[in-house]
Amino acid sequence: MMNVLTLEHFAARVNETFISLSDGNAAFVLKEVRPLPSATLEGMLRKPFSLMFHNSSAILFSQKIFQMQHAAFGEVGIFLVPVARDSHGFLYQAIFN
């Protein structure tokens, strides 16, 4: 497993499913990978980026670190925050900086 995840790690995974192991194997589909504006700071390990996931459950998960399972990454903790609701579930965002 790589130490520092970057936008490039996720860019090829749009529309793929990540499974939250600690939440009854809830499925989160990666919907968007987007770079974020940033100042160049000495020592930065990566450029900031945002991920947007969709979960089709009618139940809102609170913000927390989700232990996600994906074939390309194995198990990885991702801090997700609910940001919107649509007619099919909820959107959750992760910010990496």
C-alpha atoms as a PDB file:
ATOM      1  CA  MET A   1       0.000   0.000   0.000  1.00  0.00           C
ATOM      2  CA  MET A   2       1.317   3.428  -0.917  1.00  0.00           C
ATOM      3  CA  ASN A   3       2.014   5.866   1.927  1.00  0.00           C
ATOM      4  CA  VAL A   4       0.619   9.069   0.386  1.00  0.00           C
ATOM      5  CA  LEU A   5      -2.495   8.871  -1.772  1.00  0.00           C
ATOM      6  CA  THR A   6      -2.719  11.381  -4.611  1.00  0.00           C
ATOM      7  CA  LEU A   7      -5.329  12.536  -7.097  1.00  0.00           C
ATOM      8  CA  GLU A   8      -3.750  10.236  -9.676  1.00  0.00           C
ATOM      9  CA  HIS A   9      -4.432   7.174  -7.502  1.00  0.00           C
ATOM     10  CA  PHE A  10      -8.166   7.918  -7.553  1.00  0.00           C
ATOM     11  CA  ALA A  11      -8.621   9.448 -11.030  1.00  0.00           C
ATOM     12  CA  ALA A  12      -8.927   6.070 -12.756  1.00  0.00           C
ATOM     13  CA  ARG A  13     -11.409   4.825 -10.109  1.00  0.00           C
ATOM     14  CA  VAL A  14     -14.393   7.109 -10.896  1.00  0.00           C
ATOM     15  CA  ASN A  15     -17.667   5.118 -10.842  1.00  0.00           C
ATOM     16  CA  GLU A  16     -16.003   2.302  -8.911  1.00  0.00           C
ATOM     17  CA  THR A  17     -17.329   1.090  -5.569  1.00  0.00           C
ATOM     18  CA  PHE A  18     -15.538   1.356  -2.244  1.00  0.00           C
ATOM     19  CA  ILE A  19     -16.949  -0.788   0.580  1.00  0.00           C
ATOM     20  CA  SER A  20     -17.115   0.550   4.139  1.00  0.00           C
ATOM     21  CA  LEU A  21     -16.179  -2.494   6.186  1.00  0.00           C
ATOM     22  CA  SER A  22     -17.225  -1.057   9.547  1.00  0.00           C
ATOM     23  CA  ASP A  23     -20.672   0.014   8.317  1.00  0.00           C
ATOM     24  CA  GLY A  24     -22.267  -3.244   7.231  1.00  0.00           C
ATOM     25  CA  ASN A  25     -20.342  -3.259   3.942  1.00  0.00           C
ATOM     26  CA  ALA A  26     -22.039  -0.051   2.792  1.00  0.00           C
ATOM     27  CA  ALA A  27     -21.205   0.772  -0.825  1.00  0.00           C
ATOM     28  CA  PHE A  28     -19.800   4.204  -1.684  1.00  0.00           C
ATOM     29  CA  VAL A  29     -19.399   4.951  -5.394  1.00  0.00           C
ATOM     30  CA  LEU A  30     -16.649   7.402  -6.296  1.00  0.00           C
ATOM     31  CA  LYS A  31     -18.361  10.057  -8.433  1.00  0.00           C
ATOM     32  CA  GLU A  32     -15.800  12.835  -8.735  1.00  0.00           C
ATOM     33  CA  VAL A  33     -12.087  13.432  -8.354  1.00  0.00           C
ATOM     34  CA  ARG A  34     -11.136  17.104  -8.489  1.00  0.00           C
ATOM     35  CA  PRO A  35      -7.925  19.061  -7.871  1.00  0.00           C
ATOM     36  CA  LEU A  36      -8.172  21.924  -5.388  1.00  0.00           C
ATOM     37  CA  PRO A  37      -6.422  25.280  -5.685  1.00  0.00           C
ATOM     38  CA  SER A  38      -3.404  25.593  -3.461  1.00  0.00           C
ATOM     39  CA  ALA A  39      -0.398  27.686  -2.742  1.00  0.00           C
ATOM     40  CA  THR A  40       2.857  25.881  -3.317  1.00  0.00           C
ATOM     41  CA  LEU A  41       4.319  25.215   0.098  1.00  0.00           C
ATOM     42  CA  GLU A  42       7.738  23.755   0.671  1.00  0.00           C
ATOM     43  CA  GLY A  43       7.557  20.189   1.914  1.00  0.00           C
ATOM     44  CA  MET A  44       4.076  19.385   0.568  1.00  0.00           C
ATOM     45  CA  LEU A  45       3.786  15.685  -0.208  1.00  0.00           C
ATOM     46  CA  ARG A  46       0.910  16.109  -2.657  1.00  0.00           C
ATOM     47  CA  LYS A  47      -1.313  18.703  -4.287  1.00  0.00           C
ATOM     48  CA  PRO A  48      -4.715  19.062  -2.556  1.00  0.00           C
ATOM     49  CA  PHE A  49      -7.709  17.299  -4.086  1.00  0.00           C
ATOM     50  CA  SER A  50     -11.317  16.400  -3.369  1.00  0.00           C
ATOM     51  CA  LEU A  51     -13.240  13.158  -3.752  1.00  0.00           C
ATOM     52  CA  MET A  52     -17.031  12.937  -3.957  1.00  0.00           C
ATOM     53  CA  PHE A  53     -18.739   9.626  -3.091  1.00  0.00           C
ATOM     54  CA  HIS A  54     -22.388   8.616  -3.407  1.00  0.00           C
ATOM     55  CA  ASN A  55     -24.133   6.184  -1.060  1.00  0.00           C
ATOM     56  CA  SER A  56     -27.660   5.081  -1.958  1.00  0.00           C
ATOM     57  CA  SER A  57     -28.756   4.312   1.602  1.00  0.00           C
ATOM     58  CA  ALA A  58     -31.687   6.259   3.032  1.00  0.00           C
ATOM     59  CA  ILE A  59     -29.681   6.450   6.262  1.00  0.00           C
ATOM     60  CA  LEU A  60     -27.283   9.373   6.671  1.00  0.00           C
ATOM     61  CA  PHE A  61     -23.842   8.372   7.945  1.00  0.00           C
ATOM     62  CA  SER A  62     -22.193  10.959  10.195  1.00  0.00           C
ATOM     63  CA  GLN A  63     -18.783  12.353   9.341  1.00  0.00           C
ATOM     64  CA  LYS A  64     -15.965  10.044  10.362  1.00  0.00           C
ATOM     65  CA  ILE A  65     -13.100   7.963   9.078  1.00  0.00           C
ATOM     66  CA  PHE A  66     -14.568   5.132   7.006  1.00  0.00           C
ATOM     67  CA  GLN A  67     -12.440   1.985   6.636  1.00  0.00           C
ATOM     68  CA  MET A  68     -12.855   1.504   2.895  1.00  0.00           C
ATOM     69  CA  GLN A  69     -12.009  -1.633   0.972  1.00  0.00           C
ATOM     70  CA  HIS A  70     -11.125  -1.446  -2.730  1.00  0.00           C
ATOM     71  CA  ALA A  71      -9.273  -3.927  -4.933  1.00  0.00           C
ATOM     72  CA  ALA A  72      -6.677  -1.323  -6.016  1.00  0.00           C
ATOM     73  CA  PHE A  73      -5.973   0.040  -2.523  1.00  0.00           C
ATOM     74  CA  GLY A  74      -6.759  -2.768  -0.104  1.00  0.00           C
ATOM     75  CA  GLU A  75      -8.098  -1.210   3.095  1.00  0.00           C
ATOM     76  CA  VAL A  76      -7.718   2.539   3.528  1.00  0.00           C
ATOM     77  CA  GLY A  77      -9.217   5.007   5.998  1.00  0.00           C
ATOM     78  CA  ILE A  78     -10.960   7.962   4.341  1.00  0.00           C
ATOM     79  CA  PHE A  79     -12.532  10.807   6.322  1.00  0.00           C
ATOM     80  CA  LEU A  80     -15.940  11.480   4.716  1.00  0.00           C
ATOM     81  CA  VAL A  81     -18.312  14.356   5.415  1.00  0.00           C
ATOM     82  CA  PRO A  82     -21.941  14.302   4.217  1.00  0.00           C
ATOM     83  CA  VAL A  83     -22.456  17.341   1.976  1.00  0.00           C
ATOM     84  CA  ALA A  84     -25.713  16.826   0.055  1.00  0.00           C
ATOM     85  CA  ARG A  85     -28.738  14.637  -0.454  1.00  0.00           C
ATOM     86  CA  ASP A  86     -30.347  13.650  -3.729  1.00  0.00           C
ATOM     87  CA  SER A  87     -33.305  11.475  -4.628  1.00  0.00           C
ATOM     88  CA  HIS A  88     -31.072   8.381  -4.573  1.00  0.00           C
ATOM     89  CA  GLY A  89     -29.129   8.862  -1.334  1.00  0.00           C
ATOM     90  CA  PHE A  90     -26.350  11.051   0.032  1.00  0.00           C
ATOM     91  CA  LEU A  91     -23.134  12.599  -1.249  1.00  0.00           C
ATOM     92  CA  TYR A  92     -20.008  12.513   0.903  1.00  0.00           C
ATOM     93  CA  GLN A  93     -16.809  14.487   0.371  1.00  0.00           C
ATOM     94  CA  ALA A  94     -13.211  13.756   1.283  1.00  0.00           C
ATOM     95  CA  ILE A  95     -10.546  16.463   1.150  1.00  0.00           C
ATOM     96  CA  PHE A  96      -6.870  15.552   0.904  1.00  0.00           C
ATOM     97  CA  ASN A  97      -4.371  18.322   1.524  1.00  0.00           C
END
